[in-house]
Amino acid sequence: MPVSHPKGHKSFPELSAFIGCWFHQDFDIHGDTLEAVVRACVAESRPSVLQPVIDDIDRFLATGEAGMDERFLEYFRPDIIPTAFRPTTRDFLLAVRQELRNGLKRER
């Protein structure tokens, strides 16, 4: 049986992998806040892995605010609800992007 990937796997592969790896149903093993989870990712990842995730976030944000919550669910089929971390999916992605950028700055 072929593996079914979320739509975002093709369009936003790095963000799709990030969401699947770090914001899965057991995300809290890495921490109970968005910041803690992203810091765990930064600590366990090479810096060269982080920038492509940031780039995918920027490209996804560029798809527009209208319908973003629904589009995020359609594209990534996440095990989490982004609005449980921030008021909107856009705010969630902006916070993730900022934490990733902070991690890159610490690595340099």
Protein backbone atom coordinates (compact mmCIF):
# COMPACT_ATOMS: atom_id res chain seq x y z
CA MET A 1 0.00 0.00 0.00
CA PRO A 2 1.50 3.36 -1.00
CA VAL A 3 2.25 5.93 1.68
CA SER A 4 -0.09 8.93 1.64
CA HIS A 5 1.74 12.18 2.36
CA PRO A 6 0.02 15.42 3.26
CA LYS A 7 -0.33 17.94 0.43
CA GLY A 8 2.33 20.12 2.08
CA HIS A 9 4.91 17.35 1.71
CA LYS A 10 5.28 18.28 -1.96
CA SER A 11 4.78 22.05 -1.77
CA PHE A 12 6.53 22.76 1.55
CA PRO A 13 8.67 19.68 2.25
CA GLU A 14 10.86 21.12 5.02
CA LEU A 15 7.95 22.63 6.94
CA SER A 16 5.96 19.43 6.48
CA ALA A 17 8.81 17.35 7.90
CA PHE A 18 9.30 19.81 10.77
CA ILE A 19 5.62 19.73 11.75
CA GLY A 20 5.53 15.93 11.53
CA CYS A 21 8.72 15.48 13.54
CA TRP A 22 8.28 18.11 16.22
CA PHE A 23 4.57 18.91 16.56
CA HIS A 24 3.16 15.38 16.60
CA GLN A 25 0.69 13.96 19.12
CA ASP A 26 3.48 13.41 21.66
CA PHE A 27 5.11 16.82 21.11
CA ASP A 28 5.20 17.41 24.86
CA ILE A 29 8.11 15.00 25.27
CA HIS A 30 10.16 17.95 23.99
CA GLY A 31 8.44 20.54 26.17
CA ASP A 32 5.03 21.95 26.89
CA THR A 33 5.39 25.22 24.98
CA LEU A 34 6.03 26.12 21.37
CA GLU A 35 9.33 27.68 22.39
CA ALA A 36 10.51 24.57 24.24
CA VAL A 37 9.67 22.29 21.31
CA VAL A 38 11.45 24.51 18.79
CA ARG A 39 14.47 24.86 21.08
CA ALA A 40 14.66 21.06 21.28
CA CYS A 41 14.62 20.93 17.49
CA VAL A 42 17.39 23.53 17.29
CA ALA A 43 19.48 21.65 19.84
CA GLU A 44 19.17 18.39 17.91
CA SER A 45 19.52 19.77 14.38
CA ARG A 46 22.35 21.11 12.28
CA PRO A 47 21.97 24.78 11.38
CA SER A 48 21.83 23.83 7.69
CA VAL A 49 18.51 22.07 8.38
CA LEU A 50 16.86 25.08 10.01
CA GLN A 51 17.04 27.70 7.24
CA PRO A 52 15.03 25.62 4.75
CA VAL A 53 12.25 25.31 7.35
CA ILE A 54 12.28 29.11 7.77
CA ASP A 55 12.15 29.49 3.99
CA ASP A 56 9.12 27.17 3.76
CA ILE A 57 7.39 29.09 6.56
CA ASP A 58 7.93 32.32 4.61
CA ARG A 59 6.56 30.74 1.44
CA PHE A 60 3.52 29.36 3.27
CA LEU A 61 2.85 32.74 4.91
CA ALA A 62 3.01 34.31 1.45
CA THR A 63 -0.02 32.22 0.40
CA GLY A 64 -2.14 34.79 2.26
CA GLU A 65 -4.00 35.13 5.53
CA ALA A 66 -7.46 34.34 4.16
CA GLY A 67 -8.19 30.68 4.89
CA MET A 68 -4.75 30.05 6.40
CA ASP A 69 -6.06 27.96 9.32
CA GLU A 70 -7.91 25.62 6.97
CA ARG A 71 -5.07 25.55 4.43
CA PHE A 72 -2.56 24.64 7.16
CA LEU A 73 -4.74 21.71 8.24
CA GLU A 74 -5.21 20.59 4.63
CA TYR A 75 -1.53 20.86 3.72
CA PHE A 76 0.04 19.38 6.83
CA ARG A 77 -2.62 17.30 8.59
CA PRO A 78 -0.90 18.04 11.91
CA ASP A 79 -1.49 16.10 15.12
CA ILE A 80 -1.69 19.44 16.94
CA ILE A 81 -3.91 22.47 16.64
CA PRO A 82 -1.74 25.54 15.99
CA THR A 83 -4.27 27.81 17.67
CA ALA A 84 -3.69 25.92 20.91
CA PHE A 85 -0.26 27.60 20.96
CA ARG A 86 -1.11 31.00 19.47
CA PRO A 87 -4.34 32.85 18.56
CA THR A 88 -3.96 32.13 14.82
CA THR A 89 -2.04 29.75 12.59
CA ARG A 90 -0.18 32.76 11.23
CA ASP A 91 0.89 33.71 14.76
CA PHE A 92 1.96 30.11 15.38
CA LEU A 93 4.14 30.10 12.26
CA LEU A 94 5.62 33.51 13.04
CA ALA A 95 6.55 32.32 16.54
CA VAL A 96 8.13 29.12 15.19
CA ARG A 97 10.06 31.14 12.60
CA GLN A 98 11.34 33.52 15.29
CA GLU A 99 12.49 30.68 17.55
CA LEU A 100 14.27 29.01 14.61
CA ARG A 101 15.98 32.30 13.75
CA ASN A 102 17.01 32.75 17.37
CA GLY A 103 18.49 29.26 17.28
CA LEU A 104 20.47 30.05 14.16
CA LYS A 105 21.87 33.19 15.79
CA ARG A 106 23.00 31.17 18.84
CA GLU A 107 24.71 28.63 16.57
CA ARG A 108 26.86 31.27 14.86
